[in-house]
């Protein structure tokens, strides 16, 4: 009885082992078959057909309104400010008094110079009378030529001293005039740099004066914008208020800085505004926009671009549905797309997704509609 049970257990064990081996081979065979099929099947990718078209090259920048003519006015002399007659925002005319410094010392210098002129004039009158008297005696041979020469020398010296005294007087008057700071042109005061009672040095800014008639829109432009700009006539710029785009004027580029800013590495561009409205005050933020016609170009999603040795390229499909990498020239990069000017032809099929998983001569397929 015990022997019979042992035989029965052995048969059952062998049967179960055989079933397990058979199931393993069956499962392994079915797993390998789809894997081989996947290897043989071409990869499914997303693509689009190239259709070059003319794209308006729209460029915009943010800047501010600044006066075309602005001067920092200061005294030609050092001194203490007695009175500043204007504040920021005041309109002034040419010649209007802006500020004054203490002038007592300079008035005294003028008085001293006037006294010197009077004294030299008296000496000149005496020298003239002496020259006439000695000259008369010399003609009658009552005096020597040496005495006459001395009289002439004294006369000429007196004339020179008078001329010098008059020049000193004019200089003293000029110095007195420099104690008053006056407007050099019609304009508006945009800033003040000193207060009453303050000691100022020569040339220190006391009043900043700007011409309100001529205004510029000033922008900071990146170097890449100049690199991608076509050569030829510079287009006109449409400038509008950032706070109210309905207020806009036309302008023309009048100056491009030849040197980049040391910090931002941008170039300052000044646009002369034509008949700017009163709302475009100094310091207002403005937007500049220019539309330029461009040659036919290709626009692709940003995901289509591939990096090959540091240069841009895209994957295109060739004969027998095999992919190949083609270098391209990118005009500019935008938020979610790139604009390509060279490297692609009309009808080329470019892959737009999964480009990092492709390799050269790989076979691919795409569903109908992906290449439209």
Protein backbone atom coordinates (compact mmCIF):
# COMPACT_ATOMS: atom_id res chain seq x y z
CA UNK A 1 0.00 0.00 0.00
CA UNK A 2 2.80 2.40 0.88
CA UNK A 3 4.66 1.53 -2.34
CA UNK A 4 1.54 2.24 -4.39
CA UNK A 5 1.17 5.72 -2.84
CA UNK A 6 4.80 6.59 -3.53
CA UNK A 7 4.40 5.64 -7.20
CA UNK A 8 1.28 7.78 -7.48
CA UNK A 9 3.02 10.82 -5.98
CA UNK A 10 5.96 10.41 -8.37
CA UNK A 11 3.72 10.22 -11.43
CA UNK A 12 1.87 13.37 -10.37
CA UNK A 13 5.16 15.25 -9.79
CA UNK A 14 6.52 14.30 -13.20
CA UNK A 15 3.27 15.33 -14.85
CA UNK A 16 3.30 18.75 -13.17
CA UNK A 17 6.95 19.30 -14.10
CA UNK A 18 6.23 18.50 -17.72
CA UNK A 19 3.32 20.90 -17.80
CA UNK A 20 5.44 23.66 -16.29
CA UNK A 21 8.23 23.18 -18.87
CA UNK A 22 5.71 23.14 -21.68
CA UNK A 23 4.07 26.33 -20.44
CA UNK A 24 7.45 28.06 -20.11
CA UNK A 25 8.44 27.21 -23.69
CA UNK A 26 5.04 28.31 -24.95
CA UNK A 27 5.20 31.63 -23.15
CA UNK A 28 8.79 32.26 -24.20
CA UNK A 29 8.00 31.52 -27.83
CA UNK A 30 5.09 33.97 -27.92
CA UNK A 31 7.18 36.72 -26.22
CA UNK A 32 10.02 36.44 -28.69
CA UNK A 33 7.81 36.50 -31.76
CA UNK A 34 6.28 40.00 -31.14
CA UNK A 35 9.72 41.38 -30.23
CA UNK A 36 11.13 40.26 -33.54
CA UNK A 37 8.09 41.68 -35.27
CA UNK A 38 8.62 45.03 -33.55
CA UNK A 39 12.23 45.11 -34.69
CA UNK A 40 11.19 44.43 -38.22
CA UNK A 41 8.40 47.01 -38.19
CA UNK A 42 9.30 50.67 -39.03
CA UNK A 43 9.01 53.29 -36.27
CA UNK A 44 5.95 55.55 -36.29
CA UNK A 45 6.90 59.24 -36.17
CA UNK A 46 5.26 62.68 -36.43
CA UNK A 47 6.20 64.76 -39.49
CA UNK A 48 5.10 67.62 -41.72
CA UNK A 49 5.67 68.65 -45.32
CA UNK A 50 7.77 71.74 -45.99
CA UNK A 51 5.87 74.66 -47.55
CA UNK A 52 8.05 77.82 -47.74
CA UNK A 53 6.09 81.06 -47.52
CA UNK A 54 6.77 84.74 -47.17
CA UNK A 55 6.80 85.78 -43.53
CA UNK A 56 6.53 89.36 -42.40
CA UNK A 57 9.58 90.08 -40.29
CA UNK A 58 7.94 91.81 -37.32
CA UNK A 59 10.31 93.22 -34.75
CA UNK A 60 9.36 95.04 -31.59
CA UNK A 61 11.19 96.63 -28.68
CA UNK A 62 10.37 98.61 -25.56
CA UNK A 63 12.00 101.99 -24.93
CA UNK A 64 11.32 105.43 -23.55
CA UNK A 65 10.85 108.98 -24.77
CA UNK A 66 13.85 111.24 -24.27
CA UNK A 67 14.65 114.80 -25.37
CA UNK A 68 16.86 115.07 -28.40
CA UNK A 69 18.51 118.16 -26.95
CA UNK A 70 19.22 118.26 -23.22
CA UNK A 71 21.86 120.28 -21.37
CA UNK A 72 23.18 120.29 -17.82
CA UNK A 73 23.61 123.96 -16.96
CA UNK A 74 26.01 125.13 -14.24
CA UNK A 75 27.97 128.16 -13.13
CA UNK A 76 31.38 129.04 -14.55
CA UNK A 77 32.43 130.11 -11.05
CA UNK A 78 32.42 128.50 -7.63
CA UNK A 79 30.22 130.06 -5.00
CA UNK A 80 27.18 129.94 -2.78
CA UNK A 81 23.74 129.89 -4.41
CA UNK A 82 21.72 132.90 -3.32
CA UNK A 83 18.55 132.07 -5.25
CA UNK A 84 17.33 129.37 -7.61
CA UNK A 85 14.47 130.85 -9.60
CA UNK A 86 13.04 127.71 -11.27
CA UNK A 87 11.88 124.22 -10.35
CA UNK A 88 11.46 121.04 -12.38
CA UNK A 89 8.67 121.26 -14.94
CA UNK A 90 8.93 125.02 -15.52
CA UNK A 91 8.96 126.32 -19.10
CA UNK A 92 11.63 128.98 -19.69
CA UNK A 93 12.68 131.23 -22.54
CA UNK A 94 16.17 131.82 -23.83
CA UNK A 95 17.93 134.29 -21.53
CA UNK A 96 15.64 133.75 -18.53
CA UNK A 97 17.37 133.86 -15.13
CA UNK A 98 17.63 130.41 -13.57
CA UNK A 99 19.86 130.89 -10.51
CA UNK A 100 22.39 133.30 -8.96
CA UNK A 101 25.40 132.99 -6.66
CA UNK A 102 26.98 135.57 -4.33
CA UNK A 103 28.38 138.44 -6.38
CA UNK A 104 29.83 140.94 -3.88
CA UNK A 105 33.45 139.94 -4.53
CA UNK A 106 32.94 140.22 -8.28
CA UNK A 107 31.28 143.62 -7.99
CA UNK A 108 34.31 144.82 -6.03
CA UNK A 109 36.57 143.52 -8.76
CA UNK A 110 34.63 145.53 -11.31
CA UNK A 111 34.97 148.68 -9.19
CA UNK A 112 38.68 148.05 -8.84
CA UNK A 113 39.09 147.56 -12.57
CA UNK A 114 37.16 150.77 -13.28
CA UNK A 115 39.49 152.67 -10.94
CA UNK A 116 42.53 151.25 -12.74
CA UNK A 117 41.12 152.42 -16.06
CA UNK A 118 40.59 155.94 -14.69
CA UNK A 119 44.12 156.05 -13.30
CA UNK A 120 45.73 154.88 -16.53
CA UNK A 121 43.66 157.39 -18.49
CA UNK A 122 45.03 160.20 -16.30
CA UNK A 123 48.59 158.95 -16.84
CA UNK A 124 47.94 158.77 -20.59
CA UNK A 125 46.71 162.40 -20.66
CA UNK A 126 49.88 163.52 -18.87
CA UNK A 127 52.08 161.48 -21.21
CA UNK A 128 50.37 162.97 -24.26
CA UNK A 129 50.92 166.54 -22.98
CA UNK A 130 54.55 165.80 -22.19
CA UNK A 131 55.13 164.31 -25.64
CA UNK A 132 53.67 167.41 -27.32
CA UNK A 133 55.80 169.79 -25.19
CA UNK A 134 59.06 167.87 -25.67
CA UNK A 135 58.28 167.45 -29.35
CA UNK A 136 57.94 171.23 -29.78
CA UNK A 137 61.23 171.87 -28.05
CA UNK A 138 62.94 169.17 -30.14
CA UNK A 139 61.79 170.79 -33.36
CA UNK A 140 63.33 174.12 -32.24
CA UNK A 141 66.53 172.32 -31.22
CA UNK A 142 66.05 173.31 -27.56
CA UNK A 143 66.26 169.71 -26.35
CA UNK A 144 68.03 166.54 -27.38
CA UNK A 145 66.66 163.58 -29.30
CA UNK A 146 67.19 161.41 -26.23
CA UNK A 147 64.66 163.43 -24.22
CA UNK A 148 62.14 163.29 -27.04
CA UNK A 149 62.52 159.49 -27.36
CA UNK A 150 61.90 159.13 -23.62
CA UNK A 151 58.68 161.19 -23.92
CA UNK A 152 57.46 159.01 -26.81
CA UNK A 153 58.26 155.83 -24.88
CA UNK A 154 56.29 157.09 -21.87
CA UNK A 155 53.30 157.89 -24.14
CA UNK A 156 53.26 154.45 -25.73
CA UNK A 157 53.61 152.76 -22.35
CA UNK A 158 50.64 154.74 -21.00
CA UNK A 159 48.54 153.75 -24.03
CA UNK A 160 49.37 150.07 -23.49
CA UNK A 161 48.55 150.24 -19.80
CA UNK A 162 45.19 151.81 -20.58
CA UNK A 163 44.41 149.05 -23.05
CA UNK A 164 45.34 146.42 -20.47
CA UNK A 165 43.20 148.13 -17.81
CA UNK A 166 40.20 148.16 -20.17
CA UNK A 167 40.62 144.42 -20.87
CA UNK A 168 40.81 143.73 -17.13
CA UNK A 169 37.59 145.71 -16.67
CA UNK A 170 35.82 143.64 -19.35
CA UNK A 171 37.00 140.42 -17.71
CA UNK A 172 35.76 141.63 -14.33
CA UNK A 173 32.37 142.40 -15.85
CA UNK A 174 32.26 138.95 -17.46
CA UNK A 175 33.06 137.38 -14.09
CA UNK A 176 30.21 139.36 -12.55
CA UNK A 177 27.89 138.15 -15.31
CA UNK A 178 28.87 134.54 -14.61
CA UNK A 179 27.24 134.86 -11.17
CA UNK A 180 23.91 134.59 -13.01
CA UNK A 181 22.83 131.33 -14.66
CA UNK A 182 20.57 131.92 -17.66
CA UNK A 183 18.75 129.61 -20.10
CA UNK A 184 20.68 128.87 -23.29
CA UNK A 185 17.51 128.06 -25.28
CA UNK A 186 13.75 127.77 -24.97
CA UNK A 187 12.95 124.63 -23.02
CA UNK A 188 11.60 122.88 -19.98
CA UNK A 189 13.44 122.25 -16.72
CA UNK A 190 13.63 118.47 -16.26
CA UNK A 191 15.79 118.36 -13.11
CA UNK A 192 17.55 120.56 -10.54
CA UNK A 193 20.84 119.73 -8.85
CA UNK A 194 21.33 122.36 -6.16
CA UNK A 195 19.34 124.27 -3.57
CA UNK A 196 19.49 127.77 -2.11
CA UNK A 197 22.48 128.25 0.18
CA UNK A 198 24.40 125.33 -1.31
CA UNK A 199 28.05 125.72 -2.32
CA UNK A 200 28.62 124.64 -5.90
CA UNK A 201 31.76 124.04 -7.93
CA UNK A 202 32.53 125.13 -11.44
CA UNK A 203 30.45 123.19 -13.93
CA UNK A 204 28.32 121.42 -11.33
CA UNK A 205 24.79 120.75 -12.63
CA UNK A 206 22.31 123.22 -11.16
CA UNK A 207 19.51 123.02 -13.75
CA UNK A 208 18.89 120.46 -16.50
CA UNK A 209 17.16 121.98 -19.50
CA UNK A 210 15.53 120.06 -22.36
CA UNK A 211 14.01 121.16 -25.64
CA UNK A 212 10.37 119.92 -25.63
CA UNK A 213 9.92 120.27 -29.39
CA UNK A 214 12.38 117.57 -30.52
CA UNK A 215 11.86 114.13 -28.95
CA UNK A 216 13.41 110.73 -29.52
CA UNK A 217 12.29 107.22 -28.71
CA UNK A 218 15.36 105.42 -27.36
CA UNK A 219 15.64 101.61 -27.52
CA UNK A 220 18.26 99.07 -26.45
CA UNK A 221 18.64 96.55 -29.29
CA UNK A 222 20.48 93.22 -29.15
CA UNK A 223 23.35 92.52 -31.54
CA UNK A 224 21.50 89.59 -33.15
CA UNK A 225 18.85 91.96 -34.53
CA UNK A 226 21.48 93.82 -36.54
CA UNK A 227 23.05 90.57 -37.73
CA UNK A 228 19.75 89.30 -39.15
CA UNK A 229 18.60 92.62 -40.63
CA UNK A 230 18.71 92.97 -44.42
CA UNK A 231 21.00 95.59 -45.89
CA UNK A 232 19.55 98.66 -47.53
CA UNK A 233 17.36 101.56 -46.51
CA UNK A 234 16.38 101.60 -42.85
CA UNK A 235 12.58 101.24 -42.57
CA UNK A 236 10.33 103.62 -40.69
CA UNK A 237 9.41 102.74 -37.11
CA UNK A 238 5.89 102.78 -35.67
CA UNK A 239 6.07 104.04 -32.08
CA UNK A 240 3.11 103.82 -29.67
CA UNK A 241 2.55 104.51 -26.00
CA UNK A 242 2.79 101.37 -23.92
CA UNK A 243 -0.06 102.55 -21.69
CA UNK A 244 -2.27 103.54 -24.65
CA UNK A 245 -1.36 101.83 -27.96
CA UNK A 246 -3.92 103.99 -29.76
CA UNK A 247 -1.56 106.94 -29.41
CA UNK A 248 1.16 106.34 -31.97
CA UNK A 249 3.42 108.20 -34.36
CA UNK A 250 5.91 107.39 -37.05
CA UNK A 251 9.63 107.79 -36.63
CA UNK A 252 12.93 107.35 -38.39
CA UNK A 253 16.17 105.96 -37.03
CA UNK A 254 18.59 108.87 -36.72
CA UNK A 255 21.38 107.37 -34.62
CA UNK A 256 22.75 103.91 -33.82
CA UNK A 257 25.40 103.69 -31.14
CA UNK A 258 28.66 102.29 -32.54
CA UNK A 259 29.60 100.77 -29.17
CA UNK A 260 27.62 98.22 -27.14
CA UNK A 261 26.69 98.89 -23.54
CA UNK A 262 29.34 97.45 -21.22
CA UNK A 263 26.75 95.77 -18.97
CA UNK A 264 23.81 94.75 -21.18
CA UNK A 265 25.82 94.31 -24.42
CA UNK A 266 23.03 96.04 -26.35
CA UNK A 267 23.21 98.97 -28.75
CA UNK A 268 21.32 102.21 -28.19
CA UNK A 269 19.09 103.19 -31.10
CA UNK A 270 17.48 106.65 -31.27
CA UNK A 271 14.33 107.14 -33.35
CA UNK A 272 13.33 110.71 -34.22
CA UNK A 273 9.58 111.12 -33.60
CA UNK A 274 7.59 113.14 -36.12
CA UNK A 275 5.10 115.55 -34.52
CA UNK A 276 4.82 113.64 -31.24
CA UNK A 277 1.60 114.27 -29.28
CA UNK A 278 1.63 115.92 -25.88
CA UNK A 279 0.84 112.54 -24.26
CA UNK A 280 4.31 111.29 -25.18
CA UNK A 281 6.04 113.02 -22.31
CA UNK A 282 9.69 112.64 -21.42
CA UNK A 283 10.23 109.30 -19.70
CA UNK A 284 7.07 107.67 -21.12
CA UNK A 285 7.40 103.98 -22.01
CA UNK A 286 6.85 103.29 -25.68
CA UNK A 287 6.80 100.29 -27.98
CA UNK A 288 8.60 100.38 -31.32
CA UNK A 289 7.52 98.11 -34.15
CA UNK A 290 8.82 97.55 -37.67
CA UNK A 291 7.45 95.23 -40.38
CA UNK A 292 9.87 94.13 -43.06
CA UNK A 293 9.04 91.89 -46.04
CA UNK A 294 11.14 88.74 -46.04
CA UNK A 295 12.09 86.00 -48.51
CA UNK A 296 10.15 82.72 -48.44
CA UNK A 297 11.07 80.84 -45.28
CA UNK A 298 10.13 77.66 -43.45
CA UNK A 299 8.55 77.69 -40.02
CA UNK A 300 8.98 74.54 -37.91
CA UNK A 301 8.09 73.63 -34.34
CA UNK A 302 10.97 74.00 -31.93
CA UNK A 303 10.98 70.24 -31.34
CA UNK A 304 12.04 69.60 -34.95
CA UNK A 305 15.49 71.08 -34.43
CA UNK A 306 18.42 68.75 -33.79
CA UNK A 307 21.92 69.67 -32.68
CA UNK A 308 24.74 68.25 -34.79
CA UNK A 309 28.22 69.21 -33.63
CA UNK A 310 26.89 72.52 -32.35
CA UNK A 311 25.09 73.35 -35.61
CA UNK A 312 21.29 73.21 -36.22
CA UNK A 313 19.89 70.39 -38.37
CA UNK A 314 16.61 68.53 -38.99
CA UNK A 315 15.68 64.95 -39.80
CA UNK A 316 14.07 64.45 -43.23
CA UNK A 317 12.80 61.31 -44.96
CA UNK A 318 14.46 60.13 -48.14
CA UNK A 319 14.12 57.20 -50.46
CA UNK A 320 12.81 53.91 -49.05
CA UNK A 321 11.43 55.81 -46.01
CA UNK A 322 14.93 56.17 -44.55
CA UNK A 323 15.80 59.23 -42.49
CA UNK A 324 18.83 61.47 -42.88
CA UNK A 325 20.12 64.56 -41.06
CA UNK A 326 20.17 67.82 -43.03
CA UNK A 327 21.91 71.04 -41.84
CA UNK A 328 19.79 74.20 -41.90
CA UNK A 329 20.23 77.94 -41.37
CA UNK A 330 18.06 79.39 -38.60
CA UNK A 331 17.10 83.05 -39.03
CA UNK A 332 15.64 83.44 -35.55
CA UNK A 333 14.37 81.46 -32.59
CA UNK A 334 10.91 82.20 -31.23
CA UNK A 335 9.04 80.93 -28.18
CA UNK A 336 7.76 77.64 -29.65
CA UNK A 337 9.06 77.65 -33.21
CA UNK A 338 12.08 78.36 -35.40
CA UNK A 339 12.30 80.21 -38.73
CA UNK A 340 14.61 78.59 -41.29
CA UNK A 341 15.91 80.38 -44.38
CA UNK A 342 18.19 77.80 -46.00
CA UNK A 343 18.62 74.04 -46.12
CA UNK A 344 15.08 72.84 -46.91
CA UNK A 345 13.18 72.55 -50.18
CA UNK A 346 9.49 72.59 -50.92
CA UNK A 347 8.01 69.11 -50.40
CA UNK A 348 10.64 67.87 -47.95
CA UNK A 349 9.16 65.88 -45.08
CA UNK A 350 10.58 66.93 -41.73
CA UNK A 351 10.12 65.09 -38.47
CA UNK A 352 8.84 67.30 -35.68
CA UNK A 353 8.85 65.06 -32.60
CA UNK A 354 11.12 62.45 -31.11
CA UNK A 355 14.12 63.61 -33.11
CA UNK A 356 16.54 62.56 -30.36
CA UNK A 357 15.51 58.89 -30.84
CA UNK A 358 16.22 58.79 -34.56
CA UNK A 359 19.43 57.63 -36.20
CA UNK A 360 20.79 57.78 -39.73
CA UNK A 361 19.19 55.46 -42.33
CA UNK A 362 16.50 54.40 -39.89
CA UNK A 363 13.25 53.30 -41.54
CA UNK A 364 10.18 55.21 -40.41
CA UNK A 365 6.50 55.55 -41.27
CA UNK A 366 3.96 58.22 -40.50
CA UNK A 367 0.21 58.19 -40.44
CA UNK A 368 -1.78 59.97 -43.10
CA UNK A 369 -2.30 63.57 -42.06
CA UNK A 370 0.96 63.90 -40.11
CA UNK A 371 2.79 65.07 -43.23
CA UNK A 372 0.30 67.77 -44.19
